[in-house]
């Protein structure tokens, strides 16, 4: 008799656990679709980018977050002629030491919490380290829109900033 009661209780307990897990999974799927959502901003163009960077400060549009590049590549004007010929980007709004770019940000699959920033022509422009939340979000998305600049401050050193599109987290 006692064994029968214990078996019935175990079956009921198992059923309750399965139902609770199913509800949790359903809520998690709903939450994930809300987080990913659709991009809420229109793409930026190079003319607008020139108005957002005044040579000293990069302004972020509404819906974008500001990041300093941990590593930055040399601007196109500082690349050797052979390297520059391979890249077909215009430098209409750049100064000789600064390159403005419009592109995207992706998660680096090889380095945890590193975001790679690329131009619209898929040229690596720099990286941002130690951004766990953005990295986690980018693992679920193909990419997020980005824009910014890189500036050569010496022959071997470059700095840069990027504004990266943010998505709602509610």
Protein backbone atom coordinates (compact mmCIF):
# COMPACT_ATOMS: atom_id res chain seq x y z
CA UNK A 1 0.00 0.00 0.00
CA UNK A 2 2.79 2.44 0.95
CA UNK A 3 4.68 1.64 -2.25
CA UNK A 4 1.56 2.40 -4.33
CA UNK A 5 1.13 5.81 -2.64
CA UNK A 6 4.81 6.68 -3.16
CA UNK A 7 4.61 5.73 -6.87
CA UNK A 8 1.50 7.87 -7.35
CA UNK A 9 3.17 10.83 -5.61
CA UNK A 10 6.28 10.45 -7.79
CA UNK A 11 4.15 10.40 -10.95
CA UNK A 12 2.26 13.54 -9.85
CA UNK A 13 5.52 15.29 -8.91
CA UNK A 14 7.05 14.40 -12.29
CA UNK A 15 3.99 15.72 -14.12
CA UNK A 16 4.18 19.01 -12.18
CA UNK A 17 7.87 19.40 -13.00
CA UNK A 18 7.23 18.78 -16.73
CA UNK A 19 4.38 21.34 -16.78
CA UNK A 20 6.49 23.95 -14.95
CA UNK A 21 9.42 23.41 -17.34
CA UNK A 22 7.11 23.72 -20.37
CA UNK A 23 5.73 27.05 -19.08
CA UNK A 24 9.24 28.34 -18.36
CA UNK A 25 10.38 27.40 -21.87
CA UNK A 26 7.35 29.09 -23.40
CA UNK A 27 8.05 32.32 -21.48
CA UNK A 28 11.73 32.21 -22.45
CA UNK A 29 10.88 31.87 -26.16
CA UNK A 30 8.49 34.81 -25.94
CA UNK A 31 11.08 36.93 -24.10
CA UNK A 32 13.75 36.10 -26.72
CA UNK A 33 11.58 37.25 -29.63
CA UNK A 34 10.84 40.48 -27.78
CA UNK A 35 14.54 41.15 -27.19
CA UNK A 36 15.63 40.43 -30.75
CA UNK A 37 12.77 42.30 -32.39
CA UNK A 38 13.20 44.38 -35.49
CA UNK A 39 15.82 47.10 -35.81
CA UNK A 40 14.18 50.37 -34.76
CA UNK A 41 16.47 52.77 -36.59
CA UNK A 42 16.94 53.57 -40.25
CA UNK A 43 20.41 53.05 -41.72
CA UNK A 44 22.83 55.96 -41.58
CA UNK A 45 24.41 57.36 -44.73
CA UNK A 46 27.84 58.95 -45.20
CA UNK A 47 26.42 62.49 -45.55
CA UNK A 48 24.70 62.22 -42.18
CA UNK A 49 27.84 60.71 -40.65
CA UNK A 50 29.83 63.79 -41.62
CA UNK A 51 27.43 65.90 -39.54
CA UNK A 52 27.75 63.57 -36.52
CA UNK A 53 31.56 63.80 -36.32
CA UNK A 54 33.11 67.27 -35.99
CA UNK A 55 36.75 66.19 -35.78
CA UNK A 56 36.79 65.96 -31.99
CA UNK A 57 33.56 64.30 -30.93
CA UNK A 58 31.37 61.52 -32.32
CA UNK A 59 27.67 61.97 -31.65
CA UNK A 60 25.40 58.93 -31.50
CA UNK A 61 21.93 59.02 -32.99
CA UNK A 62 18.94 57.96 -30.94
CA UNK A 63 18.92 54.17 -30.80
CA UNK A 64 22.72 53.84 -30.85
CA UNK A 65 25.20 53.36 -27.99
CA UNK A 66 28.71 54.84 -27.89
CA UNK A 67 31.82 52.62 -27.60
CA UNK A 68 35.56 53.31 -27.73
CA UNK A 69 37.45 50.86 -29.92
CA UNK A 70 39.95 48.81 -27.90
CA UNK A 71 41.95 48.19 -31.06
CA UNK A 72 41.68 50.26 -34.22
CA UNK A 73 43.11 49.66 -37.69
CA UNK A 74 44.97 52.35 -39.61
CA UNK A 75 42.84 54.73 -41.70
CA UNK A 76 42.93 54.09 -45.45
CA UNK A 77 45.23 57.06 -46.01
CA UNK A 78 47.90 55.37 -43.84
CA UNK A 79 47.83 52.05 -45.67
CA UNK A 80 50.41 51.21 -48.32
CA UNK A 81 49.33 51.83 -51.92
CA UNK A 82 48.99 48.09 -52.63
CA UNK A 83 46.76 47.57 -49.59
CA UNK A 84 44.67 50.63 -50.47
CA UNK A 85 44.11 49.50 -54.07
CA UNK A 86 42.39 46.37 -52.80
CA UNK A 87 39.87 48.46 -50.85
CA UNK A 88 37.39 50.43 -52.93
CA UNK A 89 36.13 52.90 -50.37
CA UNK A 90 35.73 56.63 -50.88
CA UNK A 91 37.41 59.11 -48.58
CA UNK A 92 35.33 62.14 -49.49
CA UNK A 93 34.62 63.31 -45.92
CA UNK A 94 37.87 62.18 -44.30
CA UNK A 95 40.93 64.14 -43.33
CA UNK A 96 44.30 62.52 -44.08
CA UNK A 97 44.55 61.08 -40.55
CA UNK A 98 40.88 60.19 -39.98
CA UNK A 99 38.58 57.72 -41.68
CA UNK A 100 34.83 57.81 -41.14
CA UNK A 101 33.00 54.53 -41.65
CA UNK A 102 29.51 53.12 -41.84
CA UNK A 103 29.26 49.40 -41.24
CA UNK A 104 28.24 46.79 -38.72
CA UNK A 105 29.25 45.04 -35.52
CA UNK A 106 29.44 41.26 -35.04
CA UNK A 107 30.42 38.96 -32.18
CA UNK A 108 33.91 37.47 -32.41
CA UNK A 109 33.33 33.72 -32.24
CA UNK A 110 36.99 33.12 -31.29
CA UNK A 111 37.30 35.59 -28.39
CA UNK A 112 34.71 35.81 -25.63
CA UNK A 113 33.13 39.25 -25.04
CA UNK A 114 34.86 40.81 -28.08
CA UNK A 115 32.90 42.72 -30.70
CA UNK A 116 34.35 43.16 -34.18
CA UNK A 117 33.48 46.35 -36.06
CA UNK A 118 33.61 46.26 -39.88
CA UNK A 119 32.90 48.71 -42.69
CA UNK A 120 30.04 48.16 -45.11
CA UNK A 121 32.60 46.62 -47.48
CA UNK A 122 33.46 44.00 -44.81
CA UNK A 123 36.88 45.48 -43.95
CA UNK A 124 37.83 44.96 -40.30
CA UNK A 125 38.05 48.43 -38.70
CA UNK A 126 38.58 47.56 -35.03
CA UNK A 127 37.41 45.65 -31.98
CA UNK A 128 35.71 46.35 -28.67
CA UNK A 129 36.61 44.16 -25.68
CA UNK A 130 34.80 43.40 -22.40
CA UNK A 131 31.23 44.02 -23.58
CA UNK A 132 29.40 40.97 -22.26
CA UNK A 133 25.81 42.15 -22.83
CA UNK A 134 26.41 43.34 -26.38
CA UNK A 135 28.40 40.17 -27.14
CA UNK A 136 25.56 37.97 -25.88
CA UNK A 137 23.02 39.89 -27.98
CA UNK A 138 25.20 39.65 -31.08
CA UNK A 139 25.48 35.88 -30.68
CA UNK A 140 21.75 35.70 -31.45
CA UNK A 141 21.83 38.24 -34.30
CA UNK A 142 23.74 38.30 -37.57
CA UNK A 143 24.97 41.88 -36.91
CA UNK A 144 24.01 45.36 -35.68
CA UNK A 145 24.46 48.61 -37.59
CA UNK A 146 27.48 50.72 -36.61
CA UNK A 147 29.25 53.91 -37.62
CA UNK A 148 32.20 55.88 -36.36
CA UNK A 149 35.79 56.84 -37.08
CA UNK A 150 39.39 55.68 -36.76
CA UNK A 151 42.21 58.19 -36.42
CA UNK A 152 45.96 57.70 -36.73
CA UNK A 153 47.74 59.33 -33.78
CA UNK A 154 51.20 58.06 -34.70
CA UNK A 155 52.80 55.83 -37.31
CA UNK A 156 51.99 52.66 -35.33
CA UNK A 157 48.98 53.67 -33.26
CA UNK A 158 45.35 54.37 -34.10
CA UNK A 159 42.28 55.14 -31.99
CA UNK A 160 38.61 55.09 -32.80
CA UNK A 161 35.05 55.25 -31.62
CA UNK A 162 31.87 53.60 -32.82
CA UNK A 163 28.16 54.04 -32.28
CA UNK A 164 26.41 50.67 -32.38
CA UNK A 165 22.69 50.15 -32.78
CA UNK A 166 20.90 49.06 -29.62
CA UNK A 167 17.77 46.94 -29.48
CA UNK A 168 15.04 47.15 -26.84
CA UNK A 169 15.55 44.84 -23.88
CA UNK A 170 12.01 44.87 -22.43
